[in-house]
Amino acid sequence: MISKAFYIDKAFWLILIIPILMGVTYIFIEFLLWAVCRLAAYLSYHILKYFFVKSQKLNPEKPLKPLLLIIQTISLIIPPIIVFIKELLA
């Protein structure tokens, strides 16, 4: 016959483990959100870079390096802002 202490012990471990699993799941979801934001920024930077380089070949008098640096800076700034807004709304 299983004693009452066995059930108390199992309940204690469940009470201990469930918040840990919830925290791990939350961290994983935050990581996925961050990864999606970074991927979107990376892809948008390279797509814009492709079109700007293509337009540079058509019109070589206009310098594009400062514009590409601005786009890269914006692509690095936007994902943390998205995550911050999400945290404020949660």
N, C-alpha and C. Protein backbone atom coordinates (compact mmCIF):
# COMPACT_ATOMS: atom_id res chain seq x y z
N MET A 1 0.84 -1.18 0.00
CA MET A 1 0.00 0.00 0.00
C MET A 1 0.89 1.25 0.00
N ILE A 2 0.48 2.24 -0.80
CA ILE A 2 1.27 3.47 -0.92
C ILE A 2 0.90 4.41 0.22
N SER A 3 1.92 4.94 0.84
CA SER A 3 1.68 5.81 2.00
C SER A 3 1.30 7.22 1.57
N LYS A 4 0.78 7.96 2.55
CA LYS A 4 0.39 9.36 2.31
C LYS A 4 1.63 10.22 2.02
N ALA A 5 2.75 9.88 2.60
CA ALA A 5 3.98 10.63 2.38
C ALA A 5 4.41 10.56 0.91
N PHE A 6 4.12 9.44 0.26
CA PHE A 6 4.46 9.29 -1.16
C PHE A 6 3.72 10.34 -1.99
N TYR A 7 2.42 10.49 -1.74
CA TYR A 7 1.63 11.46 -2.49
C TYR A 7 2.04 12.90 -2.16
N ILE A 8 2.36 13.16 -0.91
CA ILE A 8 2.81 14.51 -0.52
C ILE A 8 4.12 14.83 -1.21
N ASP A 9 5.00 13.85 -1.28
CA ASP A 9 6.29 14.04 -1.94
C ASP A 9 6.09 14.32 -3.43
N LYS A 10 5.23 13.58 -4.08
CA LYS A 10 4.97 13.80 -5.51
C LYS A 10 4.32 15.17 -5.74
N ALA A 11 3.40 15.57 -4.89
CA ALA A 11 2.76 16.88 -5.02
C ALA A 11 3.79 18.00 -4.84
N PHE A 12 4.70 17.81 -3.88
CA PHE A 12 5.75 18.81 -3.66
C PHE A 12 6.60 18.98 -4.92
N TRP A 13 6.98 17.87 -5.54
CA TRP A 13 7.81 17.97 -6.74
C TRP A 13 7.04 18.58 -7.91
N LEU A 14 5.76 18.28 -8.01
CA LEU A 14 4.95 18.90 -9.06
C LEU A 14 4.83 20.41 -8.85
N ILE A 15 4.62 20.80 -7.59
CA ILE A 15 4.52 22.23 -7.27
C ILE A 15 5.85 22.92 -7.56
N LEU A 16 6.94 22.22 -7.39
CA LEU A 16 8.26 22.79 -7.64
C LEU A 16 8.58 22.82 -9.14
N ILE A 17 8.20 21.78 -9.86
CA ILE A 17 8.60 21.65 -11.26
C ILE A 17 7.74 22.49 -12.21
N ILE A 18 6.44 22.60 -11.95
CA ILE A 18 5.55 23.31 -12.88
C ILE A 18 5.97 24.77 -13.11
N PRO A 19 6.27 25.56 -12.07
CA PRO A 19 6.73 26.94 -12.35
C PRO A 19 8.05 26.98 -13.11
N ILE A 20 8.93 26.02 -12.85
CA ILE A 20 10.20 25.97 -13.58
C ILE A 20 9.94 25.71 -15.06
N LEU A 21 9.06 24.76 -15.35
CA LEU A 21 8.72 24.47 -16.75
C LEU A 21 8.04 25.66 -17.42
N MET A 22 7.19 26.37 -16.68
CA MET A 22 6.54 27.55 -17.23
C MET A 22 7.57 28.63 -17.54
N GLY A 23 8.55 28.80 -16.66
CA GLY A 23 9.61 29.78 -16.90
C GLY A 23 10.45 29.43 -18.11
N VAL A 24 10.78 28.14 -18.24
CA VAL A 24 11.57 27.70 -19.39
C VAL A 24 10.78 27.92 -20.68
N THR A 25 9.49 27.62 -20.66
CA THR A 25 8.65 27.83 -21.83
C THR A 25 8.58 29.32 -22.18
N TYR A 26 8.44 30.18 -21.18
CA TYR A 26 8.38 31.62 -21.41
C TYR A 26 9.68 32.12 -22.03
N ILE A 27 10.81 31.66 -21.50
CA ILE A 27 12.11 32.08 -22.04
C ILE A 27 12.25 31.60 -23.48
N PHE A 28 11.79 30.37 -23.76
CA PHE A 28 11.87 29.84 -25.11
C PHE A 28 11.02 30.66 -26.08
N ILE A 29 9.82 31.06 -25.65
CA ILE A 29 8.95 31.87 -26.51
C ILE A 29 9.59 33.25 -26.75
N GLU A 30 10.19 33.82 -25.71
CA GLU A 30 10.87 35.11 -25.87
C GLU A 30 12.04 34.98 -26.85
N PHE A 31 12.77 33.87 -26.75
CA PHE A 31 13.88 33.64 -27.66
C PHE A 31 13.38 33.52 -29.09
N LEU A 32 12.27 32.81 -29.29
CA LEU A 32 11.71 32.67 -30.63
C LEU A 32 11.27 34.02 -31.18
N LEU A 33 10.66 34.85 -30.33
CA LEU A 33 10.26 36.19 -30.78
C LEU A 33 11.47 37.01 -31.18
N TRP A 34 12.51 36.94 -30.37
CA TRP A 34 13.74 37.67 -30.67
C TRP A 34 14.35 37.16 -31.98
N ALA A 35 14.35 35.85 -32.18
CA ALA A 35 14.92 35.28 -33.40
C ALA A 35 14.13 35.71 -34.63
N VAL A 36 12.81 35.74 -34.52
CA VAL A 36 11.98 36.17 -35.65
C VAL A 36 12.25 37.64 -35.97
N CYS A 37 12.37 38.47 -34.95
CA CYS A 37 12.66 39.90 -35.17
C CYS A 37 14.02 40.08 -35.83
N ARG A 38 15.01 39.35 -35.37
CA ARG A 38 16.34 39.46 -35.95
C ARG A 38 16.36 38.98 -37.39
N LEU A 39 15.65 37.88 -37.65
CA LEU A 39 15.58 37.36 -39.01
C LEU A 39 14.90 38.36 -39.94
N ALA A 40 13.82 38.97 -39.47
CA ALA A 40 13.12 39.97 -40.29
C ALA A 40 14.03 41.17 -40.56
N ALA A 41 14.76 41.61 -39.55
CA ALA A 41 15.68 42.74 -39.74
C ALA A 41 16.80 42.37 -40.72
N TYR A 42 17.33 41.17 -40.58
CA TYR A 42 18.41 40.71 -41.46
C TYR A 42 17.94 40.64 -42.91
N LEU A 43 16.77 40.03 -43.11
CA LEU A 43 16.25 39.90 -44.47
C LEU A 43 15.91 41.27 -45.07
N SER A 44 15.30 42.14 -44.28
CA SER A 44 14.95 43.46 -44.82
C SER A 44 16.20 44.25 -45.18
N TYR A 45 17.25 44.13 -44.37
CA TYR A 45 18.50 44.83 -44.67
C TYR A 45 19.08 44.35 -46.00
N HIS A 46 19.13 43.04 -46.18
CA HIS A 46 19.74 42.52 -47.40
C HIS A 46 18.87 42.74 -48.64
N ILE A 47 17.56 42.72 -48.47
CA ILE A 47 16.69 43.03 -49.61
C ILE A 47 16.85 44.49 -50.02
N LEU A 48 16.86 45.39 -49.02
CA LEU A 48 17.06 46.81 -49.34
C LEU A 48 18.44 47.05 -49.93
N LYS A 49 19.44 46.36 -49.38
CA LYS A 49 20.80 46.50 -49.90
C LYS A 49 20.85 46.06 -51.36
N TYR A 50 20.18 44.96 -51.67
CA TYR A 50 20.16 44.47 -53.06
C TYR A 50 19.56 45.53 -53.99
N PHE A 51 18.43 46.10 -53.60
CA PHE A 51 17.79 47.09 -54.47
C PHE A 51 18.60 48.38 -54.56
N PHE A 52 19.25 48.77 -53.46
CA PHE A 52 20.06 49.98 -53.51
C PHE A 52 21.31 49.77 -54.36
N VAL A 53 21.92 48.60 -54.26
CA VAL A 53 23.09 48.32 -55.09
C VAL A 53 22.69 48.26 -56.56
N LYS A 54 21.52 47.69 -56.81
CA LYS A 54 21.02 47.63 -58.19
C LYS A 54 20.77 49.05 -58.72
N SER A 55 20.19 49.91 -57.89
CA SER A 55 19.96 51.29 -58.34
C SER A 55 21.27 52.06 -58.43
N GLN A 56 22.27 51.68 -57.62
CA GLN A 56 23.58 52.33 -57.68
C GLN A 56 24.25 52.05 -59.03
N LYS A 57 24.05 50.84 -59.53
CA LYS A 57 24.63 50.52 -60.84
C LYS A 57 23.97 51.34 -61.95
N LEU A 58 22.69 51.65 -61.76
CA LEU A 58 21.99 52.45 -62.76
C LEU A 58 22.36 53.93 -62.66
N ASN A 59 22.66 54.39 -61.43
CA ASN A 59 22.98 55.80 -61.22
C ASN A 59 24.20 55.88 -60.29
N PRO A 60 25.41 55.78 -60.81
CA PRO A 60 26.61 55.70 -59.95
C PRO A 60 27.02 57.00 -59.27
N GLU A 61 26.37 58.12 -59.56
CA GLU A 61 26.78 59.38 -58.94
C GLU A 61 26.34 59.50 -57.49
N LYS A 62 25.31 58.77 -57.10
CA LYS A 62 24.78 58.90 -55.74
C LYS A 62 25.49 57.92 -54.80
N PRO A 63 26.09 58.42 -53.73
CA PRO A 63 26.73 57.50 -52.78
C PRO A 63 25.69 56.81 -51.90
N LEU A 64 25.88 55.51 -51.68
CA LEU A 64 24.90 54.74 -50.91
C LEU A 64 25.43 54.26 -49.56
N LYS A 65 26.72 54.37 -49.32
CA LYS A 65 27.27 53.81 -48.09
C LYS A 65 26.61 54.40 -46.83
N PRO A 66 26.44 55.72 -46.71
CA PRO A 66 25.77 56.24 -45.51
C PRO A 66 24.34 55.74 -45.36
N LEU A 67 23.64 55.61 -46.48
CA LEU A 67 22.27 55.12 -46.43
C LEU A 67 22.22 53.67 -45.96
N LEU A 68 23.15 52.85 -46.41
CA LEU A 68 23.20 51.45 -45.97
C LEU A 68 23.54 51.37 -44.48
N LEU A 69 24.40 52.25 -44.00
CA LEU A 69 24.72 52.25 -42.57
C LEU A 69 23.50 52.65 -41.74
N ILE A 70 22.73 53.60 -42.23
CA ILE A 70 21.50 54.00 -41.53
C ILE A 70 20.51 52.85 -41.49
N ILE A 71 20.34 52.16 -42.61
CA ILE A 71 19.42 51.02 -42.65
C ILE A 71 19.88 49.91 -41.71
N GLN A 72 21.18 49.65 -41.68
CA GLN A 72 21.70 48.62 -40.78
C GLN A 72 21.48 49.01 -39.32
N THR A 73 21.69 50.26 -39.00
CA THR A 73 21.47 50.72 -37.63
C THR A 73 20.00 50.58 -37.24
N ILE A 74 19.11 50.96 -38.14
CA ILE A 74 17.68 50.83 -37.86
C ILE A 74 17.30 49.37 -37.68
N SER A 75 17.87 48.48 -38.50
CA SER A 75 17.55 47.06 -38.39
C SER A 75 18.06 46.48 -37.08
N LEU A 76 19.06 47.09 -36.47
CA LEU A 76 19.54 46.62 -35.16
C LEU A 76 18.73 47.22 -34.02
N ILE A 77 18.10 48.37 -34.23
CA ILE A 77 17.37 49.04 -33.16
C ILE A 77 15.92 48.56 -33.07
N ILE A 78 15.29 48.24 -34.18
CA ILE A 78 13.86 47.91 -34.19
C ILE A 78 13.51 46.65 -33.38
N PRO A 79 14.23 45.53 -33.49
CA PRO A 79 13.80 44.33 -32.73
C PRO A 79 13.74 44.52 -31.22
N PRO A 80 14.72 45.18 -30.57
CA PRO A 80 14.56 45.39 -29.12
C PRO A 80 13.36 46.26 -28.78
N ILE A 81 13.03 47.22 -29.65
CA ILE A 81 11.86 48.06 -29.42
C ILE A 81 10.58 47.23 -29.49
N ILE A 82 10.52 46.32 -30.46
CA ILE A 82 9.35 45.44 -30.59
C ILE A 82 9.19 44.59 -29.35
N VAL A 83 10.29 44.01 -28.87
CA VAL A 83 10.24 43.17 -27.67
C VAL A 83 9.85 44.00 -26.46
N PHE A 84 10.36 45.23 -26.35
CA PHE A 84 10.03 46.09 -25.22
C PHE A 84 8.54 46.44 -25.22
N ILE A 85 8.00 46.76 -26.39
CA ILE A 85 6.57 47.07 -26.48
C ILE A 85 5.74 45.84 -26.13
N LYS A 86 6.18 44.67 -26.57
CA LYS A 86 5.46 43.44 -26.24
C LYS A 86 5.46 43.22 -24.73
N GLU A 87 6.58 43.49 -24.08
CA GLU A 87 6.67 43.33 -22.62
C GLU A 87 5.75 44.32 -21.91
N LEU A 88 5.65 45.53 -22.44
CA LEU A 88 4.76 46.52 -21.82
C LEU A 88 3.30 46.12 -21.94
N LEU A 89 2.95 45.51 -23.07
CA LEU A 89 1.56 45.11 -23.30
C LEU A 89 1.19 43.82 -22.57
N ALA A 90 2.19 43.03 -22.19
CA ALA A 90 1.89 41.74 -21.53
C ALA A 90 1.51 41.93 -20.08
